[in-house]
Amino acid sequence: MIKMKVNTRLSILFIVFVFNMSLSIAQDKTFTKEYKENVIQSLSKLMNDYYVFPEVAKLTQEHLKTQLLDGYFDQFKNNETFAAALTIKKMV
């Protein structure tokens, strides 16, 4: 039950963070790979600093980095789909 609450809160944190990041990007800028790298780097730092289970945070960070390097996130062209990809994927 506690793990479920933590996962829900972390998912909400992801969505809020990505939404807030979208507000800082001008309409005419493209949705770049650098932007995605920065979001994943920031999320990884937040997870490592605040997530209740440090080993899960580290595994999630490694998983997101692998997906980024493999080009998985290249298919997402806006914040909504990118945020959904970050919150819906189940690692284990």
N, C-alpha and C. Protein backbone atom coordinates (compact mmCIF):
# COMPACT_ATOMS: atom_id res chain seq x y z
N MET A 1 0.82 -1.19 0.00
CA MET A 1 0.00 0.00 0.00
C MET A 1 0.87 1.25 0.00
N ILE A 2 1.91 1.26 0.84
CA ILE A 2 2.80 2.42 0.91
C ILE A 2 3.53 2.60 -0.42
N LYS A 3 3.99 1.47 -1.00
CA LYS A 3 4.70 1.55 -2.27
C LYS A 3 3.80 2.12 -3.36
N MET A 4 2.52 1.75 -3.32
CA MET A 4 1.57 2.25 -4.31
C MET A 4 1.40 3.76 -4.17
N LYS A 5 1.32 4.24 -2.92
CA LYS A 5 1.19 5.68 -2.69
C LYS A 5 2.44 6.41 -3.16
N VAL A 6 3.60 5.82 -2.91
CA VAL A 6 4.86 6.44 -3.33
C VAL A 6 4.92 6.49 -4.85
N ASN A 7 4.55 5.40 -5.52
CA ASN A 7 4.56 5.38 -6.98
C ASN A 7 3.59 6.39 -7.55
N THR A 8 2.42 6.53 -6.94
CA THR A 8 1.44 7.51 -7.40
C THR A 8 1.99 8.92 -7.23
N ARG A 9 2.58 9.19 -6.10
CA ARG A 9 3.14 10.52 -5.86
C ARG A 9 4.29 10.81 -6.81
N LEU A 10 5.12 9.81 -7.07
CA LEU A 10 6.22 10.01 -8.00
C LEU A 10 5.70 10.26 -9.41
N SER A 11 4.66 9.56 -9.81
CA SER A 11 4.06 9.79 -11.12
C SER A 11 3.51 11.20 -11.23
N ILE A 12 2.85 11.65 -10.18
CA ILE A 12 2.33 13.02 -10.18
C ILE A 12 3.47 14.02 -10.25
N LEU A 13 4.56 13.75 -9.53
CA LEU A 13 5.73 14.62 -9.58
C LEU A 13 6.27 14.71 -11.00
N PHE A 14 6.35 13.58 -11.70
CA PHE A 14 6.82 13.57 -13.09
C PHE A 14 5.95 14.46 -13.96
N ILE A 15 4.65 14.27 -13.85
CA ILE A 15 3.72 15.03 -14.69
C ILE A 15 3.83 16.52 -14.41
N VAL A 16 3.84 16.88 -13.14
CA VAL A 16 3.94 18.30 -12.77
C VAL A 16 5.26 18.88 -13.25
N PHE A 17 6.34 18.15 -13.07
CA PHE A 17 7.66 18.64 -13.48
C PHE A 17 7.70 18.87 -14.99
N VAL A 18 7.26 17.90 -15.76
CA VAL A 18 7.29 18.04 -17.22
C VAL A 18 6.35 19.16 -17.66
N PHE A 19 5.19 19.27 -17.04
CA PHE A 19 4.27 20.35 -17.38
C PHE A 19 4.91 21.70 -17.10
N ASN A 20 5.55 21.84 -15.95
CA ASN A 20 6.21 23.10 -15.62
C ASN A 20 7.35 23.40 -16.58
N MET A 21 8.08 22.39 -16.99
CA MET A 21 9.15 22.59 -17.95
C MET A 21 8.58 23.09 -19.28
N SER A 22 7.40 22.61 -19.62
CA SER A 22 6.80 23.03 -20.89
C SER A 22 6.45 24.51 -20.87
N LEU A 23 6.14 25.04 -19.72
CA LEU A 23 5.80 26.46 -19.62
C LEU A 23 7.01 27.34 -19.89
N SER A 24 8.20 26.81 -19.67
CA SER A 24 9.40 27.61 -19.86
C SER A 24 9.93 27.56 -21.29
N ILE A 25 9.34 26.74 -22.11
CA ILE A 25 9.78 26.63 -23.50
C ILE A 25 8.88 27.49 -24.38
N ALA A 26 9.48 28.29 -25.21
CA ALA A 26 8.71 29.14 -26.12
C ALA A 26 8.01 28.29 -27.16
N GLN A 27 6.89 28.78 -27.68
CA GLN A 27 6.10 28.05 -28.66
C GLN A 27 6.89 27.71 -29.92
N ASP A 28 7.79 28.58 -30.33
CA ASP A 28 8.49 28.36 -31.59
C ASP A 28 9.70 27.45 -31.47
N LYS A 29 10.09 27.06 -30.26
CA LYS A 29 11.23 26.16 -30.10
C LYS A 29 10.79 24.73 -30.36
N THR A 30 11.70 23.95 -30.90
CA THR A 30 11.39 22.55 -31.16
C THR A 30 11.60 21.71 -29.91
N PHE A 31 10.99 20.57 -29.90
CA PHE A 31 11.09 19.62 -28.79
C PHE A 31 12.36 18.81 -29.02
N THR A 32 13.46 19.26 -28.45
CA THR A 32 14.78 18.73 -28.79
C THR A 32 15.21 17.56 -27.92
N LYS A 33 16.22 16.86 -28.41
CA LYS A 33 16.82 15.77 -27.64
C LYS A 33 17.47 16.32 -26.37
N GLU A 34 18.06 17.51 -26.47
CA GLU A 34 18.69 18.13 -25.30
C GLU A 34 17.67 18.40 -24.20
N TYR A 35 16.49 18.83 -24.61
CA TYR A 35 15.41 19.08 -23.65
C TYR A 35 15.06 17.78 -22.92
N LYS A 36 14.91 16.70 -23.69
CA LYS A 36 14.58 15.40 -23.09
C LYS A 36 15.69 14.94 -22.16
N GLU A 37 16.94 15.13 -22.56
CA GLU A 37 18.07 14.77 -21.71
C GLU A 37 18.02 15.55 -20.40
N ASN A 38 17.74 16.84 -20.48
CA ASN A 38 17.67 17.68 -19.28
C ASN A 38 16.54 17.25 -18.35
N VAL A 39 15.40 16.91 -18.93
CA VAL A 39 14.27 16.46 -18.11
C VAL A 39 14.63 15.16 -17.40
N ILE A 40 15.19 14.22 -18.13
CA ILE A 40 15.55 12.93 -17.52
C ILE A 40 16.64 13.11 -16.47
N GLN A 41 17.58 13.96 -16.74
CA GLN A 41 18.64 14.24 -15.76
C GLN A 41 18.04 14.87 -14.49
N SER A 42 17.14 15.81 -14.66
CA SER A 42 16.50 16.45 -13.51
C SER A 42 15.63 15.47 -12.72
N LEU A 43 14.87 14.65 -13.43
CA LEU A 43 14.04 13.65 -12.76
C LEU A 43 14.90 12.65 -12.01
N SER A 44 16.01 12.25 -12.60
CA SER A 44 16.91 11.31 -11.94
C SER A 44 17.44 11.90 -10.64
N LYS A 45 17.81 13.16 -10.69
CA LYS A 45 18.32 13.83 -9.48
C LYS A 45 17.23 13.89 -8.41
N LEU A 46 16.02 14.26 -8.81
CA LEU A 46 14.91 14.32 -7.84
C LEU A 46 14.64 12.95 -7.22
N MET A 47 14.65 11.91 -8.04
CA MET A 47 14.41 10.57 -7.51
C MET A 47 15.51 10.16 -6.55
N ASN A 48 16.76 10.38 -6.93
CA ASN A 48 17.88 10.00 -6.07
C ASN A 48 17.89 10.80 -4.77
N ASP A 49 17.44 12.02 -4.81
CA ASP A 49 17.43 12.86 -3.61
C ASP A 49 16.24 12.59 -2.69
N TYR A 50 15.08 12.22 -3.25
CA TYR A 50 13.86 12.18 -2.44
C TYR A 50 13.10 10.86 -2.43
N TYR A 51 13.39 9.96 -3.34
CA TYR A 51 12.60 8.73 -3.40
C TYR A 51 12.86 7.87 -2.17
N VAL A 52 11.84 7.25 -1.65
CA VAL A 52 11.93 6.49 -0.41
C VAL A 52 12.84 5.27 -0.54
N PHE A 53 12.86 4.66 -1.71
CA PHE A 53 13.67 3.47 -1.94
C PHE A 53 14.83 3.81 -2.86
N PRO A 54 16.01 4.08 -2.31
CA PRO A 54 17.16 4.52 -3.12
C PRO A 54 17.54 3.54 -4.22
N GLU A 55 17.41 2.24 -3.95
CA GLU A 55 17.77 1.25 -4.97
C GLU A 55 16.82 1.30 -6.16
N VAL A 56 15.56 1.58 -5.91
CA VAL A 56 14.58 1.72 -6.99
C VAL A 56 14.86 2.99 -7.79
N ALA A 57 15.22 4.05 -7.09
CA ALA A 57 15.55 5.31 -7.77
C ALA A 57 16.73 5.11 -8.71
N LYS A 58 17.75 4.40 -8.24
CA LYS A 58 18.94 4.16 -9.06
C LYS A 58 18.60 3.29 -10.28
N LEU A 59 17.83 2.25 -10.07
CA LEU A 59 17.42 1.39 -11.18
C LEU A 59 16.59 2.16 -12.20
N THR A 60 15.70 3.00 -11.72
CA THR A 60 14.87 3.82 -12.61
C THR A 60 15.73 4.79 -13.40
N GLN A 61 16.69 5.40 -12.74
CA GLN A 61 17.62 6.31 -13.42
C GLN A 61 18.36 5.59 -14.54
N GLU A 62 18.88 4.41 -14.24
CA GLU A 62 19.61 3.63 -15.25
C GLU A 62 18.69 3.24 -16.41
N HIS A 63 17.47 2.86 -16.08
CA HIS A 63 16.50 2.47 -17.10
C HIS A 63 16.17 3.63 -18.04
N LEU A 64 15.91 4.80 -17.45
CA LEU A 64 15.60 5.98 -18.27
C LEU A 64 16.79 6.38 -19.14
N LYS A 65 17.99 6.29 -18.59
CA LYS A 65 19.18 6.64 -19.36
C LYS A 65 19.37 5.67 -20.53
N THR A 66 19.14 4.39 -20.28
CA THR A 66 19.24 3.39 -21.36
C THR A 66 18.22 3.67 -22.45
N GLN A 67 16.99 3.97 -22.04
CA GLN A 67 15.95 4.28 -23.02
C GLN A 67 16.32 5.51 -23.84
N LEU A 68 16.88 6.51 -23.18
CA LEU A 68 17.29 7.74 -23.87
C LEU A 68 18.38 7.43 -24.89
N LEU A 69 19.40 6.68 -24.47
CA LEU A 69 20.50 6.34 -25.37
C LEU A 69 20.06 5.45 -26.53
N ASP A 70 19.07 4.60 -26.28
CA ASP A 70 18.54 3.72 -27.33
C ASP A 70 17.59 4.44 -28.29
N GLY A 71 17.26 5.69 -27.98
CA GLY A 71 16.39 6.46 -28.86
C GLY A 71 14.91 6.25 -28.64
N TYR A 72 14.54 5.59 -27.55
CA TYR A 72 13.13 5.34 -27.28
C TYR A 72 12.32 6.63 -27.21
N PHE A 73 12.87 7.66 -26.61
CA PHE A 73 12.13 8.91 -26.42
C PHE A 73 12.08 9.78 -27.67
N ASP A 74 12.76 9.39 -28.73
CA ASP A 74 12.74 10.16 -29.98
C ASP A 74 11.34 10.23 -30.59
N GLN A 75 10.52 9.25 -30.31
CA GLN A 75 9.18 9.19 -30.90
C GLN A 75 8.21 10.21 -30.30
N PHE A 76 8.55 10.79 -29.16
CA PHE A 76 7.65 11.71 -28.49
C PHE A 76 7.96 13.14 -28.90
N LYS A 77 6.96 13.81 -29.44
CA LYS A 77 7.16 15.13 -30.04
C LYS A 77 6.56 16.28 -29.25
N ASN A 78 5.95 15.98 -28.09
CA ASN A 78 5.40 17.05 -27.25
C ASN A 78 5.47 16.62 -25.78
N ASN A 79 5.23 17.58 -24.90
CA ASN A 79 5.35 17.31 -23.47
C ASN A 79 4.34 16.30 -22.96
N GLU A 80 3.15 16.30 -23.52
CA GLU A 80 2.12 15.40 -23.04
C GLU A 80 2.49 13.94 -23.27
N THR A 81 2.93 13.62 -24.48
CA THR A 81 3.29 12.23 -24.77
C THR A 81 4.58 11.83 -24.06
N PHE A 82 5.50 12.78 -23.94
CA PHE A 82 6.76 12.51 -23.23
C PHE A 82 6.49 12.25 -21.75
N ALA A 83 5.64 13.07 -21.14
CA ALA A 83 5.28 12.87 -19.73
C ALA A 83 4.58 11.53 -19.53
N ALA A 84 3.70 11.17 -20.45
CA ALA A 84 3.01 9.89 -20.35
C ALA A 84 4.00 8.74 -20.43
N ALA A 85 4.98 8.85 -21.29
CA ALA A 85 6.00 7.80 -21.41
C ALA A 85 6.81 7.67 -20.13
N LEU A 86 7.04 8.77 -19.46
CA LEU A 86 7.82 8.74 -18.22
C LEU A 86 7.01 8.21 -17.04
N THR A 87 5.70 8.30 -17.09
CA THR A 87 4.89 7.91 -15.94
C THR A 87 4.24 6.55 -16.09
N ILE A 88 3.95 6.11 -17.30
CA ILE A 88 3.21 4.87 -17.49
C ILE A 88 4.12 3.65 -17.51
N LYS A 89 5.32 3.80 -18.00
CA LYS A 89 6.22 2.66 -18.12
C LYS A 89 6.47 2.03 -16.76
N LYS A 90 6.32 0.73 -16.70
CA LYS A 90 6.64 0.00 -15.48
C LYS A 90 7.95 -0.72 -15.71
N MET A 91 8.90 -0.47 -14.83
CA MET A 91 10.24 -0.97 -15.02
C MET A 91 10.37 -2.45 -14.70
N VAL A 92 9.74 -2.90 -13.64
CA VAL A 92 9.94 -4.27 -13.18
C VAL A 92 8.70 -5.08 -13.43
